[in-house]
């Protein structure tokens, strides 16, 4: 299993647009065969800050997710265009 934790800081005024991208992305990511978990959170004190926690069966499943048409549409050509800052971390469970 591989876990991904990503924090997005969205440009001011684009919060609602980001929420729409995340909603559609979440729905389509849940349908991926290698996706085990995908949940988007929003900070209650910083409405421009979103946190995503993801789990995939393996690196291949994560690579497939990142190459999917919905990732390209809603992340590469969507969220990345309204992004102020992004921090991503990949982790694997202890043996």
C-alpha atoms as a PDB file:
ATOM      1  CA  UNK A   1       0.000   0.000   0.000  1.00  0.00           C
ATOM      2  CA  UNK A   2       1.065   3.583  -0.629  1.00  0.00           C
ATOM      3  CA  UNK A   3      -0.352   6.667   1.100  1.00  0.00           C
ATOM      4  CA  UNK A   4      -0.361  10.208  -0.242  1.00  0.00           C
ATOM      5  CA  UNK A   5      -0.992  13.346   1.810  1.00  0.00           C
ATOM      6  CA  UNK A   6      -1.374  16.596  -0.116  1.00  0.00           C
ATOM      7  CA  UNK A   7      -2.087  20.108   1.113  1.00  0.00           C
ATOM      8  CA  UNK A   8      -3.346  22.680  -1.372  1.00  0.00           C
ATOM      9  CA  UNK A   9      -3.537  26.409  -0.739  1.00  0.00           C
ATOM     10  CA  UNK A  10      -5.907  27.846  -3.335  1.00  0.00           C
ATOM     11  CA  UNK A  11      -5.651  31.402  -4.674  1.00  0.00           C
ATOM     12  CA  UNK A  12      -8.102  33.836  -3.045  1.00  0.00           C
ATOM     13  CA  UNK A  13     -11.499  33.861  -4.713  1.00  0.00           C
ATOM     14  CA  UNK A  14     -11.188  30.356  -6.201  1.00  0.00           C
ATOM     15  CA  UNK A  15     -12.378  28.309  -3.220  1.00  0.00           C
ATOM     16  CA  UNK A  16     -15.749  27.355  -4.712  1.00  0.00           C
ATOM     17  CA  UNK A  17     -14.129  26.380  -8.002  1.00  0.00           C
ATOM     18  CA  UNK A  18     -11.666  24.182  -6.098  1.00  0.00           C
ATOM     19  CA  UNK A  19     -14.536  22.515  -4.242  1.00  0.00           C
ATOM     20  CA  UNK A  20     -16.187  21.633  -7.558  1.00  0.00           C
ATOM     21  CA  UNK A  21     -12.931  20.169  -8.909  1.00  0.00           C
ATOM     22  CA  UNK A  22     -12.414  18.147  -5.711  1.00  0.00           C
ATOM     23  CA  UNK A  23     -15.990  16.828  -5.714  1.00  0.00           C
ATOM     24  CA  UNK A  24     -15.775  15.452  -9.247  1.00  0.00           C
ATOM     25  CA  UNK A  25     -12.210  14.230  -8.783  1.00  0.00           C
ATOM     26  CA  UNK A  26     -13.185  12.366  -5.608  1.00  0.00           C
ATOM     27  CA  UNK A  27     -16.108  10.617  -7.264  1.00  0.00           C
ATOM     28  CA  UNK A  28     -14.029   9.464 -10.233  1.00  0.00           C
ATOM     29  CA  UNK A  29     -11.007   8.490  -8.130  1.00  0.00           C
ATOM     30  CA  UNK A  30     -13.165   6.215  -5.959  1.00  0.00           C
ATOM     31  CA  UNK A  31     -13.991   4.251  -9.125  1.00  0.00           C
ATOM     32  CA  UNK A  32     -10.326   3.490  -9.875  1.00  0.00           C
ATOM     33  CA  UNK A  33      -9.503  -0.193  -9.265  1.00  0.00           C
ATOM     34  CA  UNK A  34      -6.281   0.567  -7.331  1.00  0.00           C
ATOM     35  CA  UNK A  35      -7.760   3.286  -5.112  1.00  0.00           C
ATOM     36  CA  UNK A  36      -8.375   2.218  -1.528  1.00  0.00           C
ATOM     37  CA  UNK A  37      -9.221   5.589   0.030  1.00  0.00           C
ATOM     38  CA  UNK A  38      -9.559   9.193  -1.091  1.00  0.00           C
ATOM     39  CA  UNK A  39     -10.868  11.929   1.166  1.00  0.00           C
ATOM     40  CA  UNK A  40     -10.665  15.706   0.773  1.00  0.00           C
ATOM     41  CA  UNK A  41     -10.750  17.908   3.867  1.00  0.00           C
ATOM     42  CA  UNK A  42     -11.125  21.683   4.168  1.00  0.00           C
ATOM     43  CA  UNK A  43      -9.691  23.775   6.983  1.00  0.00           C
ATOM     44  CA  UNK A  44     -12.401  25.335   9.169  1.00  0.00           C
ATOM     45  CA  UNK A  45     -10.138  28.308   9.922  1.00  0.00           C
ATOM     46  CA  UNK A  46      -8.410  28.761   6.543  1.00  0.00           C
ATOM     47  CA  UNK A  47     -11.042  28.230   3.811  1.00  0.00           C
ATOM     48  CA  UNK A  48      -8.388  28.307   1.059  1.00  0.00           C
ATOM     49  CA  UNK A  49      -6.539  25.309   2.567  1.00  0.00           C
ATOM     50  CA  UNK A  50      -7.529  21.796   1.482  1.00  0.00           C
ATOM     51  CA  UNK A  51      -5.971  18.526   2.620  1.00  0.00           C
ATOM     52  CA  UNK A  52      -6.273  15.231   0.733  1.00  0.00           C
ATOM     53  CA  UNK A  53      -5.521  11.812   2.169  1.00  0.00           C
ATOM     54  CA  UNK A  54      -5.194   9.023  -0.399  1.00  0.00           C
ATOM     55  CA  UNK A  55      -4.380   5.305  -0.311  1.00  0.00           C
ATOM     56  CA  UNK A  56      -3.543   3.103  -3.286  1.00  0.00           C
ATOM     57  CA  UNK A  57      -2.710  -0.575  -3.570  1.00  0.00           C
ATOM     58  CA  UNK A  58       0.774   0.195  -4.926  1.00  0.00           C
ATOM     59  CA  UNK A  59       2.887   2.668  -6.897  1.00  0.00           C
ATOM     60  CA  UNK A  60       1.418   1.435 -10.164  1.00  0.00           C
ATOM     61  CA  UNK A  61      -2.092   2.338  -8.976  1.00  0.00           C
ATOM     62  CA  UNK A  62      -0.886   5.811  -7.975  1.00  0.00           C
ATOM     63  CA  UNK A  63       0.792   6.253 -11.362  1.00  0.00           C
ATOM     64  CA  UNK A  64      -2.430   5.168 -13.077  1.00  0.00           C
ATOM     65  CA  UNK A  65      -4.374   7.720 -11.012  1.00  0.00           C
ATOM     66  CA  UNK A  66      -1.996  10.524 -11.977  1.00  0.00           C
ATOM     67  CA  UNK A  67      -2.242   9.578 -15.661  1.00  0.00           C
ATOM     68  CA  UNK A  68      -6.045   9.290 -15.662  1.00  0.00           C
ATOM     69  CA  UNK A  69      -8.137  11.655 -17.780  1.00  0.00           C
ATOM     70  CA  UNK A  70      -9.942  12.959 -14.683  1.00  0.00           C
ATOM     71  CA  UNK A  71      -6.642  13.780 -12.924  1.00  0.00           C
ATOM     72  CA  UNK A  72      -5.430  15.662 -15.990  1.00  0.00           C
ATOM     73  CA  UNK A  73      -8.748  17.517 -16.309  1.00  0.00           C
ATOM     74  CA  UNK A  74      -9.377  18.418 -12.662  1.00  0.00           C
ATOM     75  CA  UNK A  75      -5.835  18.636 -11.255  1.00  0.00           C
ATOM     76  CA  UNK A  76      -3.338  19.406 -14.017  1.00  0.00           C
ATOM     77  CA  UNK A  77      -5.714  21.609 -16.034  1.00  0.00           C
ATOM     78  CA  UNK A  78      -7.876  22.663 -13.092  1.00  0.00           C
ATOM     79  CA  UNK A  79      -6.503  22.890  -9.551  1.00  0.00           C
ATOM     80  CA  UNK A  80      -2.929  23.588 -10.626  1.00  0.00           C
ATOM     81  CA  UNK A  81      -4.169  26.721 -12.428  1.00  0.00           C
ATOM     82  CA  UNK A  82      -5.754  28.178  -9.270  1.00  0.00           C
ATOM     83  CA  UNK A  83      -3.062  27.000  -6.887  1.00  0.00           C
ATOM     84  CA  UNK A  84      -1.003  29.245  -4.653  1.00  0.00           C
ATOM     85  CA  UNK A  85       0.972  26.462  -2.947  1.00  0.00           C
ATOM     86  CA  UNK A  86       1.040  22.660  -2.874  1.00  0.00           C
ATOM     87  CA  UNK A  87       2.840  20.271  -0.534  1.00  0.00           C
ATOM     88  CA  UNK A  88       2.754  16.531  -1.191  1.00  0.00           C
ATOM     89  CA  UNK A  89       4.091  13.617   0.795  1.00  0.00           C
ATOM     90  CA  UNK A  90       4.211   9.910  -0.056  1.00  0.00           C
ATOM     91  CA  UNK A  91       4.410   7.320   2.699  1.00  0.00           C
ATOM     92  CA  UNK A  92       4.360   3.545   2.987  1.00  0.00           C
ATOM     93  CA  UNK A  93       3.261   1.529   6.023  1.00  0.00           C
ATOM     94  CA  UNK A  94       5.770  -0.026   8.358  1.00  0.00           C
ATOM     95  CA  UNK A  95       6.378  -3.736   7.813  1.00  0.00           C
END
